[in-house]
Amino acid sequence: MEIVMLIARIILLILSGMSSVGAVEEVAKASGVASATLWSKLPSRFK
């Protein structure tokens, strides 16, 4: 469930204008979850 919330946060950052890589890095840094894990769970249309 935590990953779903983090992915939702990434998607909101992307929709607000941030790059997908930047959004993943920011959320990874804040949450302590590996950016590779978040990137692999991110839907392809947001990459």
N, C-alpha and C. Protein backbone atom coordinates (compact mmCIF):
# COMPACT_ATOMS: atom_id res chain seq x y z
N MET A 1 0.82 -1.20 0.00
CA MET A 1 0.00 0.00 0.00
C MET A 1 0.86 1.26 0.00
N GLU A 2 1.98 1.22 0.69
CA GLU A 2 2.87 2.38 0.74
C GLU A 2 3.37 2.74 -0.66
N ILE A 3 3.71 1.73 -1.46
CA ILE A 3 4.21 1.99 -2.81
C ILE A 3 3.14 2.69 -3.64
N VAL A 4 1.90 2.29 -3.49
CA VAL A 4 0.80 2.92 -4.24
C VAL A 4 0.71 4.40 -3.92
N MET A 5 0.85 4.75 -2.66
CA MET A 5 0.80 6.16 -2.25
C MET A 5 1.99 6.93 -2.83
N LEU A 6 3.16 6.31 -2.84
CA LEU A 6 4.34 6.98 -3.39
C LEU A 6 4.20 7.17 -4.90
N ILE A 7 3.66 6.18 -5.60
CA ILE A 7 3.45 6.30 -7.04
C ILE A 7 2.43 7.41 -7.32
N ALA A 8 1.39 7.50 -6.51
CA ALA A 8 0.40 8.58 -6.68
C ALA A 8 1.06 9.94 -6.49
N ARG A 9 1.95 10.03 -5.53
CA ARG A 9 2.67 11.29 -5.30
C ARG A 9 3.55 11.65 -6.49
N ILE A 10 4.22 10.64 -7.06
CA ILE A 10 5.06 10.86 -8.24
C ILE A 10 4.20 11.35 -9.40
N ILE A 11 3.06 10.71 -9.62
CA ILE A 11 2.18 11.09 -10.73
C ILE A 11 1.69 12.53 -10.55
N LEU A 12 1.36 12.92 -9.34
CA LEU A 12 0.94 14.30 -9.09
C LEU A 12 2.05 15.29 -9.41
N LEU A 13 3.28 14.94 -9.05
CA LEU A 13 4.41 15.81 -9.36
C LEU A 13 4.61 15.92 -10.87
N ILE A 14 4.47 14.81 -11.58
CA ILE A 14 4.62 14.81 -13.04
C ILE A 14 3.53 15.67 -13.67
N LEU A 15 2.30 15.51 -13.21
CA LEU A 15 1.19 16.29 -13.77
C LEU A 15 1.31 17.77 -13.46
N SER A 16 2.04 18.11 -12.40
CA SER A 16 2.24 19.52 -12.08
C SER A 16 3.40 20.13 -12.85
N GLY A 17 4.07 19.32 -13.69
CA GLY A 17 5.09 19.87 -14.56
C GLY A 17 6.50 19.37 -14.33
N MET A 18 6.73 18.56 -13.33
CA MET A 18 8.07 18.05 -13.05
C MET A 18 8.38 16.88 -13.99
N SER A 19 9.65 16.70 -14.32
CA SER A 19 10.03 15.56 -15.15
C SER A 19 9.83 14.27 -14.37
N SER A 20 9.62 13.19 -15.08
CA SER A 20 9.37 11.91 -14.41
C SER A 20 10.58 11.45 -13.61
N VAL A 21 11.77 11.65 -14.16
CA VAL A 21 12.99 11.25 -13.44
C VAL A 21 13.15 12.10 -12.18
N GLY A 22 12.92 13.39 -12.30
CA GLY A 22 13.03 14.27 -11.14
C GLY A 22 12.03 13.93 -10.06
N ALA A 23 10.81 13.61 -10.47
CA ALA A 23 9.77 13.26 -9.50
C ALA A 23 10.11 11.96 -8.77
N VAL A 24 10.60 10.97 -9.50
CA VAL A 24 10.97 9.70 -8.88
C VAL A 24 12.12 9.91 -7.91
N GLU A 25 13.12 10.68 -8.31
CA GLU A 25 14.27 10.93 -7.43
C GLU A 25 13.84 11.66 -6.16
N GLU A 26 12.98 12.65 -6.30
CA GLU A 26 12.53 13.43 -5.13
C GLU A 26 11.76 12.56 -4.14
N VAL A 27 10.84 11.75 -4.65
CA VAL A 27 10.05 10.89 -3.77
C VAL A 27 10.93 9.80 -3.16
N ALA A 28 11.87 9.27 -3.93
CA ALA A 28 12.78 8.25 -3.40
C ALA A 28 13.61 8.82 -2.26
N LYS A 29 14.11 10.02 -2.45
CA LYS A 29 14.93 10.66 -1.42
C LYS A 29 14.11 10.91 -0.14
N ALA A 30 12.89 11.36 -0.31
CA ALA A 30 12.04 11.68 0.84
C ALA A 30 11.54 10.44 1.58
N SER A 31 11.33 9.35 0.84
CA SER A 31 10.71 8.16 1.44
C SER A 31 11.69 7.09 1.87
N GLY A 32 12.89 7.11 1.28
CA GLY A 32 13.86 6.06 1.59
C GLY A 32 13.69 4.81 0.75
N VAL A 33 12.76 4.82 -0.18
CA VAL A 33 12.55 3.69 -1.09
C VAL A 33 13.47 3.89 -2.30
N ALA A 34 14.05 2.82 -2.79
CA ALA A 34 14.98 2.90 -3.93
C ALA A 34 14.27 3.47 -5.16
N SER A 35 14.97 4.36 -5.85
CA SER A 35 14.37 4.97 -7.04
C SER A 35 14.11 3.92 -8.13
N ALA A 36 14.94 2.89 -8.21
CA ALA A 36 14.72 1.83 -9.20
C ALA A 36 13.40 1.10 -8.94
N THR A 37 13.08 0.90 -7.68
CA THR A 37 11.82 0.25 -7.32
C THR A 37 10.64 1.12 -7.73
N LEU A 38 10.73 2.40 -7.42
CA LEU A 38 9.64 3.31 -7.78
C LEU A 38 9.50 3.42 -9.30
N TRP A 39 10.62 3.50 -10.00
CA TRP A 39 10.60 3.63 -11.46
C TRP A 39 9.95 2.40 -12.09
N SER A 40 10.27 1.22 -11.58
CA SER A 40 9.71 -0.01 -12.16
C SER A 40 8.20 -0.12 -11.92
N LYS A 41 7.70 0.47 -10.85
CA LYS A 41 6.27 0.43 -10.53
C LYS A 41 5.48 1.55 -11.22
N LEU A 42 6.18 2.56 -11.73
CA LEU A 42 5.51 3.70 -12.37
C LEU A 42 4.91 3.26 -13.71
N PRO A 43 3.63 3.55 -13.96
CA PRO A 43 3.03 3.19 -15.25
C PRO A 43 3.79 3.82 -16.42
N SER A 44 3.92 3.08 -17.51
CA SER A 44 4.76 3.51 -18.63
C SER A 44 4.31 4.83 -19.25
N ARG A 45 3.03 5.16 -19.18
CA ARG A 45 2.59 6.42 -19.79
C ARG A 45 3.11 7.64 -19.04
N PHE A 46 3.62 7.46 -17.83
CA PHE A 46 4.18 8.57 -17.05
C PHE A 46 5.70 8.60 -17.10
N LYS A 47 6.32 7.68 -17.81
CA LYS A 47 7.79 7.64 -17.88
C LYS A 47 8.30 8.53 -18.98
